[in-house]
């Protein structure tokens, strides 16, 4: 139940973004311009610079990864993808530190903190193994078993050579 609830805001947000690509692109443009200027030379030329294109990609990821998280298909990967869209969306859309009007500033600060809270939920979802051992634990266990088997084979080989 938790995953669909967490995913719902991203799915609805992605749909809302598709309904107003130009409006979202206008909000994102100053952030994107600044980010691309600061990352000059680090971002490959193949990465689109057009705010409308980037907003469309962002909306598509939110909908696709949101649905995947909601239905439990690759939920950890979906949560990480959503987290990857949440950070730039938050930094572009809720720049409360730049607001002059106290009411606007307070509203943007609430939205910023809400997104930080969502990031925490996504981190939990990304680390949730649904009761299964983590990949790290399984790798350590496999390495330990392999080491023991190698040791047994080594002892067996020594005996046969003696």
Protein backbone atom coordinates (compact mmCIF):
# COMPACT_ATOMS: atom_id res chain seq x y z
CA UNK A 1 0.00 0.00 0.00
CA UNK A 2 2.89 2.39 0.75
CA UNK A 3 4.41 2.28 -2.73
CA UNK A 4 1.25 3.23 -4.63
CA UNK A 5 0.61 6.04 -2.16
CA UNK A 6 4.15 7.36 -2.59
CA UNK A 7 3.99 6.97 -6.37
CA UNK A 8 0.68 8.80 -6.78
CA UNK A 9 2.13 12.30 -6.43
CA UNK A 10 4.70 11.60 -9.14
CA UNK A 11 2.19 10.13 -11.57
CA UNK A 12 -0.19 13.06 -11.10
CA UNK A 13 2.69 15.52 -11.27
CA UNK A 14 3.91 13.98 -14.53
CA UNK A 15 0.44 14.17 -16.05
CA UNK A 16 0.10 17.78 -14.90
CA UNK A 17 3.45 18.62 -16.44
CA UNK A 18 2.44 17.10 -19.80
CA UNK A 19 -0.66 19.30 -19.74
CA UNK A 20 1.48 22.45 -19.43
CA UNK A 21 4.92 21.75 -20.90
CA UNK A 22 5.60 25.40 -21.76
CA UNK A 23 4.64 26.69 -18.31
CA UNK A 24 6.90 24.17 -16.59
CA UNK A 25 9.70 24.85 -19.07
CA UNK A 26 9.48 28.57 -18.31
CA UNK A 27 9.86 27.86 -14.57
CA UNK A 28 12.74 25.42 -15.17
CA UNK A 29 14.64 27.56 -17.68
CA UNK A 30 16.60 29.78 -15.22
CA UNK A 31 17.67 26.75 -13.19
CA UNK A 32 18.63 24.76 -16.30
CA UNK A 33 20.58 27.66 -17.82
CA UNK A 34 22.48 28.12 -14.56
CA UNK A 35 23.10 24.37 -14.19
CA UNK A 36 24.37 23.96 -17.76
CA UNK A 37 26.59 27.03 -17.38
CA UNK A 38 28.13 25.63 -14.19
CA UNK A 39 28.56 22.16 -15.71
CA UNK A 40 30.02 23.46 -18.95
CA UNK A 41 32.22 20.80 -20.50
CA UNK A 42 30.96 18.08 -18.12
CA UNK A 43 27.60 17.44 -19.76
CA UNK A 44 27.79 15.52 -23.06
CA UNK A 45 26.60 17.33 -26.17
CA UNK A 46 23.96 14.63 -26.69
CA UNK A 47 22.06 15.83 -23.62
CA UNK A 48 19.28 18.14 -24.78
CA UNK A 49 19.48 21.75 -23.56
CA UNK A 50 15.97 22.78 -24.56
CA UNK A 51 13.88 23.26 -21.36
CA UNK A 52 10.68 21.96 -23.01
CA UNK A 53 12.41 18.74 -24.07
CA UNK A 54 13.91 18.23 -20.61
CA UNK A 55 10.53 18.89 -18.98
CA UNK A 56 8.92 16.29 -21.28
CA UNK A 57 11.59 13.74 -20.34
CA UNK A 58 11.11 14.54 -16.66
CA UNK A 59 7.33 14.10 -16.94
CA UNK A 60 7.73 10.80 -18.79
CA UNK A 61 10.11 9.46 -16.15
CA UNK A 62 7.75 10.53 -13.38
CA UNK A 63 4.81 8.75 -14.97
CA UNK A 64 6.73 5.63 -16.01
CA UNK A 65 8.71 5.20 -12.82
CA UNK A 66 5.68 6.19 -10.74
CA UNK A 67 3.57 3.47 -12.32
CA UNK A 68 6.42 0.96 -11.92
CA UNK A 69 6.76 1.84 -8.24
CA UNK A 70 2.98 1.69 -7.72
CA UNK A 71 2.65 -1.79 -9.21
CA UNK A 72 5.87 -3.12 -7.70
CA UNK A 73 7.85 -3.61 -10.93
CA UNK A 74 11.52 -2.88 -10.22
CA UNK A 75 10.48 -0.73 -7.26
CA UNK A 76 14.00 0.06 -6.10
CA UNK A 77 15.07 1.25 -9.54
CA UNK A 78 11.80 3.16 -9.95
CA UNK A 79 12.33 4.90 -6.60
CA UNK A 80 15.86 5.92 -7.63
CA UNK A 81 14.59 7.24 -10.97
CA UNK A 82 11.94 9.28 -9.18
CA UNK A 83 14.54 10.59 -6.77
CA UNK A 84 16.63 11.61 -9.78
CA UNK A 85 13.72 13.69 -11.11
CA UNK A 86 12.76 15.10 -7.72
CA UNK A 87 16.05 16.84 -7.03
CA UNK A 88 16.15 19.09 -10.12
CA UNK A 89 12.39 19.64 -9.96
CA UNK A 90 12.70 20.85 -6.38
CA UNK A 91 15.69 23.06 -7.09
CA UNK A 92 14.06 24.54 -10.19
CA UNK A 93 10.53 24.96 -8.91
CA UNK A 94 10.79 25.79 -5.22
CA UNK A 95 13.60 28.32 -4.87
CA UNK A 96 12.17 29.85 -1.71
CA UNK A 97 15.47 31.56 -0.92
CA UNK A 98 14.96 33.83 -3.94
CA UNK A 99 11.38 34.88 -3.11
CA UNK A 100 10.89 38.46 -1.94
CA UNK A 101 7.26 38.23 -0.84
CA UNK A 102 7.01 36.58 2.62
CA UNK A 103 3.84 34.69 1.70
CA UNK A 104 5.37 33.33 -1.52
CA UNK A 105 8.56 32.48 0.33
CA UNK A 106 6.64 30.54 3.01
CA UNK A 107 4.63 28.63 0.39
CA UNK A 108 7.71 27.68 -1.62
CA UNK A 109 9.51 26.65 1.56
CA UNK A 110 6.65 24.29 2.44
CA UNK A 111 6.82 22.76 -1.06
CA UNK A 112 10.60 22.44 -0.81
CA UNK A 113 10.38 20.65 2.56
CA UNK A 114 7.55 18.44 1.23
CA UNK A 115 9.82 17.36 -1.61
CA UNK A 116 12.68 16.72 0.81
CA UNK A 117 10.28 14.50 2.77
CA UNK A 118 9.30 12.69 -0.43
CA UNK A 119 13.01 12.17 -1.10
CA UNK A 120 13.24 10.43 2.27
CA UNK A 121 10.35 8.15 1.33
CA UNK A 122 11.99 7.36 -1.99
CA UNK A 123 15.27 6.53 -0.24
CA UNK A 124 13.39 4.11 1.99
CA UNK A 125 11.68 2.56 -1.04
CA UNK A 126 15.02 2.31 -2.87
CA UNK A 127 16.62 0.47 0.04
CA UNK A 128 13.63 -1.79 0.77
CA UNK A 129 14.42 -5.38 -0.12
CA UNK A 130 10.88 -6.63 0.65
CA UNK A 131 12.24 -9.08 3.19
CA UNK A 132 14.92 -10.45 0.90
CA UNK A 133 18.59 -10.10 1.78
CA UNK A 134 20.36 -7.15 0.21
CA UNK A 135 22.57 -7.53 -2.82
CA UNK A 136 25.64 -6.78 -0.68
CA UNK A 137 24.73 -9.50 1.82
CA UNK A 138 24.17 -12.03 -0.97
CA UNK A 139 27.50 -11.12 -2.60
CA UNK A 140 29.40 -11.49 0.69
CA UNK A 141 27.68 -14.83 1.35
CA UNK A 142 28.49 -16.11 -2.13
CA UNK A 143 32.13 -15.04 -1.76
CA UNK A 144 32.38 -16.80 1.61
CA UNK A 145 30.86 -20.02 0.18
CA UNK A 146 33.18 -19.85 -2.82
CA UNK A 147 36.17 -19.42 -0.52
CA UNK A 148 35.17 -22.46 1.55
CA UNK A 149 34.67 -24.56 -1.58
CA UNK A 150 38.04 -23.48 -2.93
CA UNK A 151 39.66 -24.40 0.37
CA UNK A 152 38.04 -27.87 0.31
CA UNK A 153 39.16 -28.42 -3.29
CA UNK A 154 42.67 -27.30 -2.38
CA UNK A 155 42.83 -29.80 0.50
CA UNK A 156 41.44 -32.54 -1.73
CA UNK A 157 44.07 -31.79 -4.38
CA UNK A 158 46.84 -31.87 -1.76
CA UNK A 159 45.70 -35.29 -0.54
CA UNK A 160 45.55 -36.70 -4.05
CA UNK A 161 49.07 -35.45 -4.79
CA UNK A 162 50.48 -37.01 -1.61
